[in-house]
């Protein structure tokens, strides 16, 4: 069984980083951290925050982005733009987390972030 994966040179094993979970809030903008596997957004004041997801560091790297707090009238938004997204032609390069418990799980495949789970709105 161990040889099964050795015979597939394109196979990538998921990698969960051991860095502490990161919580981002109203005063945060800019590049998302890549030294963790879990980022939560706690956006509580009006307006929106813009974040960028740069290229991953290791093929198989997993990243869960989770909206911990937002309001239900969509005025508190975490907008995330993915620098290298798999499926840009299918509008998977920008999304927003605007409701509590919305999330997306991504895996870096060495060239692009690949969505594994989507529970939010892609915007482009």
PDB file of N, CA and C in Angstrom:
ATOM      1  N   UNK A   1       0.813  -1.194   0.000  1.00  0.00           N
ATOM      2  CA  UNK A   1       0.000   0.000   0.000  1.00  0.00           C
ATOM      3  C   UNK A   1       0.854   1.254   0.000  1.00  0.00           C
ATOM      4  N   UNK A   2       2.019   1.193   0.653  1.00  0.00           N
ATOM      5  CA  UNK A   2       2.881   2.368   0.717  1.00  0.00           C
ATOM      6  C   UNK A   2       3.369   2.780  -0.663  1.00  0.00           C
ATOM      7  N   UNK A   3       3.534   1.809  -1.569  1.00  0.00           N
ATOM      8  CA  UNK A   3       4.004   2.141  -2.909  1.00  0.00           C
ATOM      9  C   UNK A   3       2.941   2.822  -3.752  1.00  0.00           C
ATOM     10  N   UNK A   4       1.690   2.736  -3.378  1.00  0.00           N
ATOM     11  CA  UNK A   4       0.622   3.318  -4.185  1.00  0.00           C
ATOM     12  C   UNK A   4       0.832   4.810  -4.392  1.00  0.00           C
ATOM     13  N   UNK A   5       1.221   5.544  -3.360  1.00  0.00           N
ATOM     14  CA  UNK A   5       1.417   6.975  -3.503  1.00  0.00           C
ATOM     15  C   UNK A   5       2.759   7.322  -4.133  1.00  0.00           C
ATOM     16  N   UNK A   6       3.756   6.448  -4.016  1.00  0.00           N
ATOM     17  CA  UNK A   6       5.047   6.698  -4.637  1.00  0.00           C
ATOM     18  C   UNK A   6       4.963   6.625  -6.152  1.00  0.00           C
ATOM     19  N   UNK A   7       3.995   5.929  -6.678  1.00  0.00           N
ATOM     20  CA  UNK A   7       3.831   5.787  -8.114  1.00  0.00           C
ATOM     21  C   UNK A   7       3.025   6.920  -8.728  1.00  0.00           C
ATOM     22  N   UNK A   8       2.636   7.902  -7.930  1.00  0.00           N
ATOM     23  CA  UNK A   8       1.868   9.043  -8.413  1.00  0.00           C
ATOM     24  C   UNK A   8       2.660  10.307  -8.106  1.00  0.00           C
ATOM     25  N   UNK A   9       3.557  10.723  -8.997  1.00  0.00           N
ATOM     26  CA  UNK A   9       4.428  11.857  -8.689  1.00  0.00           C
ATOM     27  C   UNK A   9       3.674  13.163  -8.464  1.00  0.00           C
ATOM     28  N   UNK A  10       2.455  13.300  -8.945  1.00  0.00           N
ATOM     29  CA  UNK A  10       1.692  14.527  -8.768  1.00  0.00           C
ATOM     30  C   UNK A  10       0.855  14.538  -7.507  1.00  0.00           C
ATOM     31  N   UNK A  11       0.893  13.447  -6.738  1.00  0.00           N
ATOM     32  CA  UNK A  11       0.064  13.358  -5.535  1.00  0.00           C
ATOM     33  C   UNK A  11       0.637  14.238  -4.433  1.00  0.00           C
ATOM     34  N   UNK A  12      -0.242  15.004  -3.764  1.00  0.00           N
ATOM     35  CA  UNK A  12       0.179  15.903  -2.694  1.00  0.00           C
ATOM     36  C   UNK A  12      -0.532  15.501  -1.417  1.00  0.00           C
ATOM     37  N   UNK A  13       0.225  15.347  -0.342  1.00  0.00           N
ATOM     38  CA  UNK A  13      -0.374  15.040   0.951  1.00  0.00           C
ATOM     39  C   UNK A  13      -0.771  16.335   1.641  1.00  0.00           C
ATOM     40  N   UNK A  14      -1.931  16.390   2.258  1.00  0.00           N
ATOM     41  CA  UNK A  14      -2.308  17.597   3.011  1.00  0.00           C
ATOM     42  C   UNK A  14      -1.323  17.857   4.144  1.00  0.00           C
ATOM     43  N   UNK A  15      -1.043  19.134   4.390  1.00  0.00           N
ATOM     44  CA  UNK A  15      -0.113  19.537   5.428  1.00  0.00           C
ATOM     45  C   UNK A  15      -0.795  20.559   6.330  1.00  0.00           C
ATOM     46  N   UNK A  16      -0.985  20.202   7.576  1.00  0.00           N
ATOM     47  CA  UNK A  16      -1.562  21.112   8.556  1.00  0.00           C
ATOM     48  C   UNK A  16      -0.407  21.697   9.359  1.00  0.00           C
ATOM     49  N   UNK A  17      -0.258  23.018   9.311  1.00  0.00           N
ATOM     50  CA  UNK A  17       0.828  23.668  10.035  1.00  0.00           C
ATOM     51  C   UNK A  17       0.483  23.773  11.510  1.00  0.00           C
ATOM     52  N   UNK A  18       1.499  23.719  12.357  1.00  0.00           N
ATOM     53  CA  UNK A  18       1.282  23.703  13.801  1.00  0.00           C
ATOM     54  C   UNK A  18       1.239  25.095  14.407  1.00  0.00           C
ATOM     55  N   UNK A  19       1.288  26.128  13.589  1.00  0.00           N
ATOM     56  CA  UNK A  19       1.220  27.485  14.117  1.00  0.00           C
ATOM     57  C   UNK A  19      -0.107  27.731  14.807  1.00  0.00           C
ATOM     58  N   UNK A  20      -0.101  28.657  15.759  1.00  0.00           N
ATOM     59  CA  UNK A  20      -1.328  28.979  16.490  1.00  0.00           C
ATOM     60  C   UNK A  20      -2.359  29.578  15.541  1.00  0.00           C
ATOM     61  N   UNK A  21      -3.626  29.341  15.852  1.00  0.00           N
ATOM     62  CA  UNK A  21      -4.702  29.961  15.084  1.00  0.00           C
ATOM     63  C   UNK A  21      -4.577  31.473  15.200  1.00  0.00           C
ATOM     64  N   UNK A  22      -4.958  32.177  14.142  1.00  0.00           N
ATOM     65  CA  UNK A  22      -4.841  33.631  14.098  1.00  0.00           C
ATOM     66  C   UNK A  22      -6.235  34.222  13.979  1.00  0.00           C
ATOM     67  N   UNK A  23      -6.521  35.242  14.798  1.00  0.00           N
ATOM     68  CA  UNK A  23      -7.797  35.956  14.695  1.00  0.00           C
ATOM     69  C   UNK A  23      -7.515  37.365  14.186  1.00  0.00           C
ATOM     70  N   UNK A  24      -8.227  37.760  13.141  1.00  0.00           N
ATOM     71  CA  UNK A  24      -8.085  39.087  12.568  1.00  0.00           C
ATOM     72  C   UNK A  24      -9.368  39.867  12.804  1.00  0.00           C
ATOM     73  N   UNK A  25      -9.236  41.167  13.047  1.00  0.00           N
ATOM     74  CA  UNK A  25     -10.399  41.989  13.372  1.00  0.00           C
ATOM     75  C   UNK A  25     -10.465  43.265  12.561  1.00  0.00           C
ATOM     76  N   UNK A  26     -11.201  44.229  13.099  1.00  0.00           N
ATOM     77  CA  UNK A  26     -11.491  45.477  12.398  1.00  0.00           C
ATOM     78  C   UNK A  26     -10.250  46.249  11.959  1.00  0.00           C
ATOM     79  N   UNK A  27      -9.206  46.223  12.749  1.00  0.00           N
ATOM     80  CA  UNK A  27      -8.022  47.021  12.445  1.00  0.00           C
ATOM     81  C   UNK A  27      -7.033  46.289  11.540  1.00  0.00           C
ATOM     82  N   UNK A  28      -7.363  45.094  11.103  1.00  0.00           N
ATOM     83  CA  UNK A  28      -6.451  44.308  10.270  1.00  0.00           C
ATOM     84  C   UNK A  28      -6.826  44.401   8.796  1.00  0.00           C
ATOM     85  N   UNK A  29      -5.837  44.465   7.964  1.00  0.00           N
ATOM     86  CA  UNK A  29      -5.938  44.438   6.506  1.00  0.00           C
ATOM     87  C   UNK A  29      -4.606  43.895   6.003  1.00  0.00           C
ATOM     88  N   UNK A  30      -4.547  43.583   4.720  1.00  0.00           N
ATOM     89  CA  UNK A  30      -3.265  43.194   4.136  1.00  0.00           C
ATOM     90  C   UNK A  30      -3.132  41.705   3.926  1.00  0.00           C
ATOM     91  N   UNK A  31      -1.883  41.237   3.954  1.00  0.00           N
ATOM     92  CA  UNK A  31      -1.586  39.839   3.648  1.00  0.00           C
ATOM     93  C   UNK A  31      -1.991  38.926   4.799  1.00  0.00           C
ATOM     94  N   UNK A  32      -2.600  37.799   4.445  1.00  0.00           N
ATOM     95  CA  UNK A  32      -2.952  36.798   5.450  1.00  0.00           C
ATOM     96  C   UNK A  32      -1.703  36.028   5.866  1.00  0.00           C
ATOM     97  N   UNK A  33      -1.629  35.602   7.120  1.00  0.00           N
ATOM     98  CA  UNK A  33      -0.462  34.829   7.569  1.00  0.00           C
ATOM     99  C   UNK A  33      -0.436  33.451   6.917  1.00  0.00           C
ATOM    100  N   UNK A  34       0.765  32.990   6.603  1.00  0.00           N
ATOM    101  CA  UNK A  34       0.938  31.672   5.989  1.00  0.00           C
ATOM    102  C   UNK A  34       1.593  30.685   6.942  1.00  0.00           C
ATOM    103  N   UNK A  35       1.794  31.077   8.190  1.00  0.00           N
ATOM    104  CA  UNK A  35       2.442  30.189   9.160  1.00  0.00           C
ATOM    105  C   UNK A  35       1.434  29.528  10.092  1.00  0.00           C
ATOM    106  N   UNK A  36       0.190  29.473   9.667  1.00  0.00           N
ATOM    107  CA  UNK A  36      -0.876  28.822  10.420  1.00  0.00           C
ATOM    108  C   UNK A  36      -1.793  28.095   9.450  1.00  0.00           C
ATOM    109  N   UNK A  37      -2.644  27.241   9.956  1.00  0.00           N
ATOM    110  CA  UNK A  37      -3.630  26.553   9.110  1.00  0.00           C
ATOM    111  C   UNK A  37      -5.044  27.027   9.383  1.00  0.00           C
ATOM    112  N   UNK A  38      -5.207  27.998  10.320  1.00  0.00           N
ATOM    113  CA  UNK A  38      -6.552  28.455  10.669  1.00  0.00           C
ATOM    114  C   UNK A  38      -6.539  29.951  10.948  1.00  0.00           C
ATOM    115  N   UNK A  39      -7.329  30.699  10.173  1.00  0.00           N
ATOM    116  CA  UNK A  39      -7.485  32.138  10.370  1.00  0.00           C
ATOM    117  C   UNK A  39      -8.962  32.417  10.558  1.00  0.00           C
ATOM    118  N   UNK A  40      -9.304  33.076  11.670  1.00  0.00           N
ATOM    119  CA  UNK A  40     -10.698  33.470  11.891  1.00  0.00           C
ATOM    120  C   UNK A  40     -10.804  34.986  11.781  1.00  0.00           C
ATOM    121  N   UNK A  41     -11.964  35.437  11.335  1.00  0.00           N
ATOM    122  CA  UNK A  41     -12.224  36.860  11.157  1.00  0.00           C
ATOM    123  C   UNK A  41     -13.301  37.275  12.134  1.00  0.00           C
ATOM    124  N   UNK A  42     -13.008  38.311  12.912  1.00  0.00           N
ATOM    125  CA  UNK A  42     -13.949  38.844  13.880  1.00  0.00           C
ATOM    126  C   UNK A  42     -14.143  40.318  13.523  1.00  0.00           C
ATOM    127  N   UNK A  43     -14.938  40.564  12.480  1.00  0.00           N
ATOM    128  CA  UNK A  43     -15.179  41.910  11.967  1.00  0.00           C
ATOM    129  C   UNK A  43     -16.492  42.394  12.569  1.00  0.00           C
ATOM    130  N   UNK A  44     -16.417  43.408  13.433  1.00  0.00           N
ATOM    131  CA  UNK A  44     -17.615  43.809  14.171  1.00  0.00           C
ATOM    132  C   UNK A  44     -18.098  45.216  13.864  1.00  0.00           C
ATOM    133  N   UNK A  45     -17.297  46.047  13.210  1.00  0.00           N
ATOM    134  CA  UNK A  45     -17.742  47.406  12.907  1.00  0.00           C
ATOM    135  C   UNK A  45     -18.079  47.512  11.427  1.00  0.00           C
ATOM    136  N   UNK A  46     -18.832  48.530  11.059  1.00  0.00           N
ATOM    137  CA  UNK A  46     -19.263  48.686   9.664  1.00  0.00           C
ATOM    138  C   UNK A  46     -18.103  48.755   8.694  1.00  0.00           C
ATOM    139  N   UNK A  47     -18.394  48.593   7.426  1.00  0.00           N
ATOM    140  CA  UNK A  47     -17.375  48.624   6.402  1.00  0.00           C
ATOM    141  C   UNK A  47     -16.865  47.237   6.067  1.00  0.00           C
ATOM    142  N   UNK A  48     -15.733  47.211   5.370  1.00  0.00           N
ATOM    143  CA  UNK A  48     -15.171  45.920   4.988  1.00  0.00           C
ATOM    144  C   UNK A  48     -13.660  45.968   5.133  1.00  0.00           C
ATOM    145  N   UNK A  49     -13.079  44.812   5.332  1.00  0.00           N
ATOM    146  CA  UNK A  49     -11.634  44.661   5.422  1.00  0.00           C
ATOM    147  C   UNK A  49     -11.174  43.863   4.222  1.00  0.00           C
ATOM    148  N   UNK A  50     -10.052  44.263   3.645  1.00  0.00           N
ATOM    149  CA  UNK A  50      -9.515  43.597   2.467  1.00  0.00           C
ATOM    150  C   UNK A  50      -8.234  42.867   2.822  1.00  0.00           C
ATOM    151  N   UNK A  51      -8.183  41.601   2.420  1.00  0.00           N
ATOM    152  CA  UNK A  51      -7.032  40.754   2.709  1.00  0.00           C
ATOM    153  C   UNK A  51      -6.538  40.117   1.420  1.00  0.00           C
ATOM    154  N   UNK A  52      -5.241  39.800   1.381  1.00  0.00           N
ATOM    155  CA  UNK A  52      -4.623  39.124   0.242  1.00  0.00           C
ATOM    156  C   UNK A  52      -4.070  37.792   0.708  1.00  0.00           C
ATOM    157  N   UNK A  53      -4.271  36.781  -0.098  1.00  0.00           N
ATOM    158  CA  UNK A  53      -3.681  35.475   0.172  1.00  0.00           C
ATOM    159  C   UNK A  53      -2.576  35.245  -0.841  1.00  0.00           C
ATOM    160  N   UNK A  54      -1.338  35.319  -0.360  1.00  0.00           N
ATOM    161  CA  UNK A  54      -0.165  35.116  -1.216  1.00  0.00           C
ATOM    162  C   UNK A  54       0.024  33.625  -1.491  1.00  0.00           C
ATOM    163  N   UNK A  55       0.986  33.316  -2.342  1.00  0.00           N
ATOM    164  CA  UNK A  55       1.288  31.927  -2.663  1.00  0.00           C
ATOM    165  C   UNK A  55       1.672  31.156  -1.407  1.00  0.00           C
ATOM    166  N   UNK A  56       1.263  29.886  -1.367  1.00  0.00           N
ATOM    167  CA  UNK A  56       1.607  29.023  -0.255  1.00  0.00           C
ATOM    168  C   UNK A  56       3.094  28.723  -0.220  1.00  0.00           C
ATOM    169  N   UNK A  57       3.522  28.085   0.848  1.00  0.00           N
ATOM    170  CA  UNK A  57       4.940  27.819   1.024  1.00  0.00           C
ATOM    171  C   UNK A  57       5.329  26.375   0.736  1.00  0.00           C
ATOM    172  N   UNK A  58       4.402  25.436   0.964  1.00  0.00           N
ATOM    173  CA  UNK A  58       4.706  24.015   0.805  1.00  0.00           C
ATOM    174  C   UNK A  58       3.510  23.342   0.114  1.00  0.00           C
ATOM    175  N   UNK A  59       3.731  22.581  -0.957  1.00  0.00           N
ATOM    176  CA  UNK A  59       2.615  21.865  -1.563  1.00  0.00           C
ATOM    177  C   UNK A  59       1.907  20.997  -0.525  1.00  0.00           C
ATOM    178  N   UNK A  60       0.603  21.061  -0.519  1.00  0.00           N
ATOM    179  CA  UNK A  60      -0.200  20.324   0.445  1.00  0.00           C
ATOM    180  C   UNK A  60      -0.624  21.176   1.628  1.00  0.00           C
ATOM    181  N   UNK A  61      -0.104  22.398   1.721  1.00  0.00           N
ATOM    182  CA  UNK A  61      -0.440  23.295   2.831  1.00  0.00           C
ATOM    183  C   UNK A  61      -1.944  23.577   2.837  1.00  0.00           C
ATOM    184  N   UNK A  62      -2.571  23.362   4.000  1.00  0.00           N
ATOM    185  CA  UNK A  62      -3.998  23.624   4.160  1.00  0.00           C
ATOM    186  C   UNK A  62      -4.207  24.946   4.880  1.00  0.00           C
ATOM    187  N   UNK A  63      -5.280  25.637   4.514  1.00  0.00           N
ATOM    188  CA  UNK A  63      -5.633  26.882   5.180  1.00  0.00           C
ATOM    189  C   UNK A  63      -7.153  26.974   5.265  1.00  0.00           C
ATOM    190  N   UNK A  64      -7.654  27.107   6.493  1.00  0.00           N
ATOM    191  CA  UNK A  64      -9.085  27.301   6.736  1.00  0.00           C
ATOM    192  C   UNK A  64      -9.282  28.766   7.098  1.00  0.00           C
ATOM    193  N   UNK A  65     -10.173  29.436   6.383  1.00  0.00           N
ATOM    194  CA  UNK A  65     -10.542  30.815   6.671  1.00  0.00           C
ATOM    195  C   UNK A  65     -11.984  30.797   7.150  1.00  0.00           C
ATOM    196  N   UNK A  66     -12.212  31.334   8.355  1.00  0.00           N
ATOM    197  CA  UNK A  66     -13.502  31.178   9.043  1.00  0.00           C
ATOM    198  C   UNK A  66     -14.011  32.529   9.538  1.00  0.00           C
ATOM    199  N   UNK A  67     -15.265  32.819   9.287  1.00  0.00           N
ATOM    200  CA  UNK A  67     -15.885  34.054   9.753  1.00  0.00           C
ATOM    201  C   UNK A  67     -16.538  33.797  11.104  1.00  0.00           C
ATOM    202  N   UNK A  68     -15.876  34.283  12.141  1.00  0.00           N
ATOM    203  CA  UNK A  68     -16.382  34.087  13.494  1.00  0.00           C
ATOM    204  C   UNK A  68     -17.520  35.045  13.817  1.00  0.00           C
ATOM    205  N   UNK A  69     -17.386  36.284  13.356  1.00  0.00           N
ATOM    206  CA  UNK A  69     -18.372  37.295  13.707  1.00  0.00           C
ATOM    207  C   UNK A  69     -18.589  38.224  12.519  1.00  0.00           C
ATOM    208  N   UNK A  70     -19.817  38.477  12.197  1.00  0.00           N
ATOM    209  CA  UNK A  70     -20.223  39.448  11.180  1.00  0.00           C
ATOM    210  C   UNK A  70     -21.694  39.713  11.435  1.00  0.00           C
ATOM    211  N   UNK A  71     -22.218  40.710  10.763  1.00  0.00           N
ATOM    212  CA  UNK A  71     -23.645  40.941  10.954  1.00  0.00           C
ATOM    213  C   UNK A  71     -24.427  40.329   9.810  1.00  0.00           C
ATOM    214  N   UNK A  72     -25.703  40.262   9.959  1.00  0.00           N
ATOM    215  CA  UNK A  72     -26.532  39.592   8.960  1.00  0.00           C
ATOM    216  C   UNK A  72     -27.015  40.506   7.851  1.00  0.00           C
ATOM    217  N   UNK A  73     -26.664  41.811   7.899  1.00  0.00           N
ATOM    218  CA  UNK A  73     -27.085  42.672   6.789  1.00  0.00           C
ATOM    219  C   UNK A  73     -25.934  42.945   5.823  1.00  0.00           C
ATOM    220  N   UNK A  74     -24.882  42.153   5.922  1.00  0.00           N
ATOM    221  CA  UNK A  74     -23.758  42.160   4.977  1.00  0.00           C
ATOM    222  C   UNK A  74     -22.957  43.448   4.990  1.00  0.00           C
ATOM    223  N   UNK A  75     -22.987  44.227   6.067  1.00  0.00           N
ATOM    224  CA  UNK A  75     -22.185  45.450   6.099  1.00  0.00           C
ATOM    225  C   UNK A  75     -20.815  45.230   6.734  1.00  0.00           C
ATOM    226  N   UNK A  76     -20.573  44.085   7.315  1.00  0.00           N
ATOM    227  CA  UNK A  76     -19.266  43.756   7.893  1.00  0.00           C
ATOM    228  C   UNK A  76     -18.697  42.603   7.090  1.00  0.00           C
ATOM    229  N   UNK A  77     -17.708  42.902   6.294  1.00  0.00           N
ATOM    230  CA  UNK A  77     -17.238  41.917   5.318  1.00  0.00           C
ATOM    231  C   UNK A  77     -15.729  41.758   5.393  1.00  0.00           C
ATOM    232  N   UNK A  78     -15.261  40.523   5.351  1.00  0.00           N
ATOM    233  CA  UNK A  78     -13.851  40.228   5.114  1.00  0.00           C
ATOM    234  C   UNK A  78     -13.748  39.805   3.655  1.00  0.00           C
ATOM    235  N   UNK A  79     -13.087  40.633   2.839  1.00  0.00           N
ATOM    236  CA  UNK A  79     -12.936  40.353   1.408  1.00  0.00           C
ATOM    237  C   UNK A  79     -11.518  39.831   1.185  1.00  0.00           C
ATOM    238  N   UNK A  80     -11.404  38.644   0.595  1.00  0.00           N
ATOM    239  CA  UNK A  80     -10.100  37.995   0.408  1.00  0.00           C
ATOM    240  C   UNK A  80      -9.832  37.817  -1.076  1.00  0.00           C
ATOM    241  N   UNK A  81      -8.665  38.270  -1.517  1.00  0.00           N
ATOM    242  CA  UNK A  81      -8.236  38.088  -2.901  1.00  0.00           C
ATOM    243  C   UNK A  81      -7.084  37.091  -2.910  1.00  0.00           C
ATOM    244  N   UNK A  82      -7.197  36.060  -3.735  1.00  0.00           N
ATOM    245  CA  UNK A  82      -6.173  35.021  -3.828  1.00  0.00           C
ATOM    246  C   UNK A  82      -5.228  35.364  -4.974  1.00  0.00           C
ATOM    247  N   UNK A  83      -3.939  35.475  -4.657  1.00  0.00           N
ATOM    248  CA  UNK A  83      -2.938  35.838  -5.660  1.00  0.00           C
ATOM    249  C   UNK A  83      -2.842  34.787  -6.766  1.00  0.00           C
ATOM    250  N   UNK A  84      -2.736  33.526  -6.400  1.00  0.00           N
ATOM    251  CA  UNK A  84      -2.665  32.428  -7.368  1.00  0.00           C
ATOM    252  C   UNK A  84      -3.775  31.444  -7.033  1.00  0.00           C
ATOM    253  N   UNK A  85      -4.862  31.542  -7.780  1.00  0.00           N
ATOM    254  CA  UNK A  85      -6.024  30.694  -7.498  1.00  0.00           C
ATOM    255  C   UNK A  85      -6.238  29.701  -8.620  1.00  0.00           C
ATOM    256  N   UNK A  86      -6.559  28.478  -8.250  1.00  0.00           N
ATOM    257  CA  UNK A  86      -6.930  27.479  -9.229  1.00  0.00           C
ATOM    258  C   UNK A  86      -8.338  27.804  -9.680  1.00  0.00           C
ATOM    259  N   UNK A  87      -8.554  27.921 -10.956  1.00  0.00           N
ATOM    260  CA  UNK A  87      -9.894  28.191 -11.462  1.00  0.00           C
ATOM    261  C   UNK A  87     -10.224  29.665 -11.542  1.00  0.00           C
ATOM    262  N   UNK A  88      -9.210  30.510 -11.847  1.00  0.00           N
ATOM    263  CA  UNK A  88      -9.480  31.945 -11.966  1.00  0.00           C
ATOM    264  C   UNK A  88     -10.544  32.199 -13.028  1.00  0.00           C
ATOM    265  N   UNK A  89     -10.522  31.420 -14.089  1.00  0.00           N
ATOM    266  CA  UNK A  89     -11.532  31.581 -15.135  1.00  0.00           C
ATOM    267  C   UNK A  89     -12.930  31.286 -14.604  1.00  0.00           C
ATOM    268  N   UNK A  90     -13.013  30.520 -13.530  1.00  0.00           N
ATOM    269  CA  UNK A  90     -14.299  30.199 -12.931  1.00  0.00           C
ATOM    270  C   UNK A  90     -14.613  31.088 -11.732  1.00  0.00           C
ATOM    271  N   UNK A  91     -13.936  32.243 -11.672  1.00  0.00           N
ATOM    272  CA  UNK A  91     -14.198  33.244 -10.634  1.00  0.00           C
ATOM    273  C   UNK A  91     -13.905  32.736  -9.227  1.00  0.00           C
ATOM    274  N   UNK A  92     -12.788  32.068  -9.044  1.00  0.00           N
ATOM    275  CA  UNK A  92     -12.415  31.572  -7.727  1.00  0.00           C
ATOM    276  C   UNK A  92     -11.224  32.329  -7.155  1.00  0.00           C
ATOM    277  N   UNK A  93     -11.022  33.577  -7.586  1.00  0.00           N
ATOM    278  CA  UNK A  93      -9.863  34.328  -7.108  1.00  0.00           C
ATOM    279  C   UNK A  93     -10.213  35.397  -6.077  1.00  0.00           C
ATOM    280  N   UNK A  94     -11.487  35.646  -5.831  1.00  0.00           N
ATOM    281  CA  UNK A  94     -11.877  36.591  -4.794  1.00  0.00           C
ATOM    282  C   UNK A  94     -13.169  36.119  -4.152  1.00  0.00           C
ATOM    283  N   UNK A  95     -13.214  36.179  -2.828  1.00  0.00           N
ATOM    284  CA  UNK A  95     -14.431  35.798  -2.125  1.00  0.00           C
ATOM    285  C   UNK A  95     -14.605  36.663  -0.898  1.00  0.00           C
ATOM    286  N   UNK A  96     -15.772  36.603  -0.309  1.00  0.00           N
ATOM    287  CA  UNK A  96     -16.040  37.389   0.899  1.00  0.00           C
ATOM    288  C   UNK A  96     -16.688  36.511   1.950  1.00  0.00           C
ATOM    289  N   UNK A  97     -16.306  36.773   3.192  1.00  0.00           N
ATOM    290  CA  UNK A  97     -16.925  36.138   4.349  1.00  0.00           C
ATOM    291  C   UNK A  97     -17.749  37.234   5.028  1.00  0.00           C
ATOM    292  N   UNK A  98     -19.050  37.088   5.020  1.00  0.00           N
ATOM    293  CA  UNK A  98     -19.897  38.167   5.527  1.00  0.00           C
ATOM    294  C   UNK A  98     -20.998  37.696   6.465  1.00  0.00           C
ATOM    295  N   UNK A  99     -21.061  36.438   6.743  1.00  0.00           N
ATOM    296  CA  UNK A  99     -22.042  35.895   7.675  1.00  0.00           C
ATOM    297  C   UNK A  99     -21.307  35.034   8.696  1.00  0.00           C
ATOM    298  N   UNK A 100     -21.773  35.002   9.938  1.00  0.00           N
ATOM    299  CA  UNK A 100     -21.144  34.108  10.914  1.00  0.00           C
ATOM    300  C   UNK A 100     -21.140  32.663  10.403  1.00  0.00           C
ATOM    301  N   UNK A 101     -20.063  31.973  10.642  1.00  0.00           N
ATOM    302  CA  UNK A 101     -19.857  30.569  10.301  1.00  0.00           C
ATOM    303  C   UNK A 101     -19.607  30.310   8.818  1.00  0.00           C
ATOM    304  N   UNK A 102     -19.483  31.345   7.991  1.00  0.00           N
ATOM    305  CA  UNK A 102     -19.039  31.111   6.624  1.00  0.00           C
ATOM    306  C   UNK A 102     -17.563  30.746   6.655  1.00  0.00           C
ATOM    307  N   UNK A 103     -17.137  29.918   5.695  1.00  0.00           N
ATOM    308  CA  UNK A 103     -15.744  29.496   5.684  1.00  0.00           C
ATOM    309  C   UNK A 103     -15.339  28.994   4.308  1.00  0.00           C
ATOM    310  N   UNK A 104     -14.043  28.872   4.130  1.00  0.00           N
ATOM    311  CA  UNK A 104     -13.483  28.247   2.944  1.00  0.00           C
ATOM    312  C   UNK A 104     -12.224  27.508   3.388  1.00  0.00           C
ATOM    313  N   UNK A 105     -12.014  26.328   2.814  1.00  0.00           N
ATOM    314  CA  UNK A 105     -10.802  25.554   3.077  1.00  0.00           C
ATOM    315  C   UNK A 105     -10.053  25.440   1.757  1.00  0.00           C
ATOM    316  N   UNK A 106      -8.778  25.804   1.784  1.00  0.00           N
ATOM    317  CA  UNK A 106      -7.950  25.815   0.588  1.00  0.00           C
ATOM    318  C   UNK A 106      -6.713  24.949   0.791  1.00  0.00           C
ATOM    319  N   UNK A 107      -6.189  24.406  -0.310  1.00  0.00           N
ATOM    320  CA  UNK A 107      -4.932  23.664  -0.261  1.00  0.00           C
ATOM    321  C   UNK A 107      -4.011  24.199  -1.353  1.00  0.00           C
ATOM    322  N   UNK A 108      -2.771  24.483  -0.983  1.00  0.00           N
ATOM    323  CA  UNK A 108      -1.761  24.938  -1.938  1.00  0.00           C
ATOM    324  C   UNK A 108      -1.198  23.719  -2.656  1.00  0.00           C
ATOM    325  N   UNK A 109      -1.266  23.713  -3.988  1.00  0.00           N
ATOM    326  CA  UNK A 109      -0.791  22.543  -4.736  1.00  0.00           C
ATOM    327  C   UNK A 109       0.597  22.745  -5.343  1.00  0.00           C
ATOM    328  N   UNK A 110       1.273  23.814  -4.938  1.00  0.00           N
ATOM    329  CA  UNK A 110       2.590  24.123  -5.474  1.00  0.00           C
ATOM    330  C   UNK A 110       2.537  25.196  -6.531  1.00  0.00           C
ATOM    331  N   UNK A 111       1.349  25.431  -7.092  1.00  0.00           N
ATOM    332  CA  UNK A 111       1.179  26.457  -8.118  1.00  0.00           C
ATOM    333  C   UNK A 111      -0.002  27.371  -7.846  1.00  0.00           C
ATOM    334  N   UNK A 112      -1.001  26.865  -7.140  1.00  0.00           N
ATOM    335  CA  UNK A 112      -2.215  27.651  -6.915  1.00  0.00           C
ATOM    336  C   UNK A 112      -2.944  27.132  -5.675  1.00  0.00           C
ATOM    337  N   UNK A 113      -3.795  27.996  -5.109  1.00  0.00           N
ATOM    338  CA  UNK A 113      -4.674  27.585  -4.007  1.00  0.00           C
ATOM    339  C   UNK A 113      -5.898  26.905  -4.606  1.00  0.00           C
ATOM    340  N   UNK A 114      -6.173  25.715  -4.152  1.00  0.00           N
ATOM    341  CA  UNK A 114      -7.269  24.900  -4.660  1.00  0.00           C
ATOM    342  C   UNK A 114      -8.361  24.827  -3.594  1.00  0.00           C
ATOM    343  N   UNK A 115      -9.598  25.236  -3.903  1.00  0.00           N
ATOM    344  CA  UNK A 115     -10.655  25.146  -2.898  1.00  0.00           C
ATOM    345  C   UNK A 115     -11.052  23.694  -2.644  1.00  0.00           C
ATOM    346  N   UNK A 116     -11.095  23.325  -1.368  1.00  0.00           N
ATOM    347  CA  UNK A 116     -11.547  21.981  -0.962  1.00  0.00           C
ATOM    348  C   UNK A 116     -12.961  22.042  -0.399  1.00  0.00           C
ATOM    349  N   UNK A 117     -13.293  23.152   0.235  1.00  0.00           N
ATOM    350  CA  UNK A 117     -14.605  23.339   0.842  1.00  0.00           C
ATOM    351  C   UNK A 117     -14.965  24.813   0.695  1.00  0.00           C
ATOM    352  N   UNK A 118     -16.189  25.084   0.254  1.00  0.00           N
ATOM    353  CA  UNK A 118     -16.636  26.472   0.045  1.00  0.00           C
ATOM    354  C   UNK A 118     -17.974  26.653   0.745  1.00  0.00           C
ATOM    355  N   UNK A 119     -18.020  27.580   1.687  1.00  0.00           N
ATOM    356  CA  UNK A 119     -19.265  27.950   2.359  1.00  0.00           C
ATOM    357  C   UNK A 119     -19.272  29.471   2.470  1.00  0.00           C
ATOM    358  N   UNK A 120     -19.177  30.136   1.300  1.00  0.00           N
ATOM    359  CA  UNK A 120     -19.144  31.588   1.259  1.00  0.00           C
ATOM    360  C   UNK A 120     -19.448  32.014  -0.164  1.00  0.00           C
ATOM    361  N   UNK A 121     -19.302  33.314  -0.450  1.00  0.00           N
ATOM    362  CA  UNK A 121     -19.624  33.866  -1.753  1.00  0.00           C
ATOM    363  C   UNK A 121     -18.357  34.265  -2.498  1.00  0.00           C
ATOM    364  N   UNK A 122     -18.136  33.677  -3.674  1.00  0.00           N
ATOM    365  CA  UNK A 122     -17.049  34.123  -4.531  1.00  0.00           C
ATOM    366  C   UNK A 122     -17.588  35.295  -5.357  1.00  0.00           C
ATOM    367  N   UNK A 123     -16.767  36.340  -5.509  1.00  0.00           N
ATOM    368  CA  UNK A 123     -17.297  37.606  -6.003  1.00  0.00           C
ATOM    369  C   UNK A 123     -16.859  38.012  -7.392  1.00  0.00           C
ATOM    370  N   UNK A 124     -15.812  37.419  -7.979  1.00  0.00           N
ATOM    371  CA  UNK A 124     -15.372  37.913  -9.279  1.00  0.00           C
ATOM    372  C   UNK A 124     -16.023  37.164 -10.412  1.00  0.00           C
TER     373      UNK A 124
END
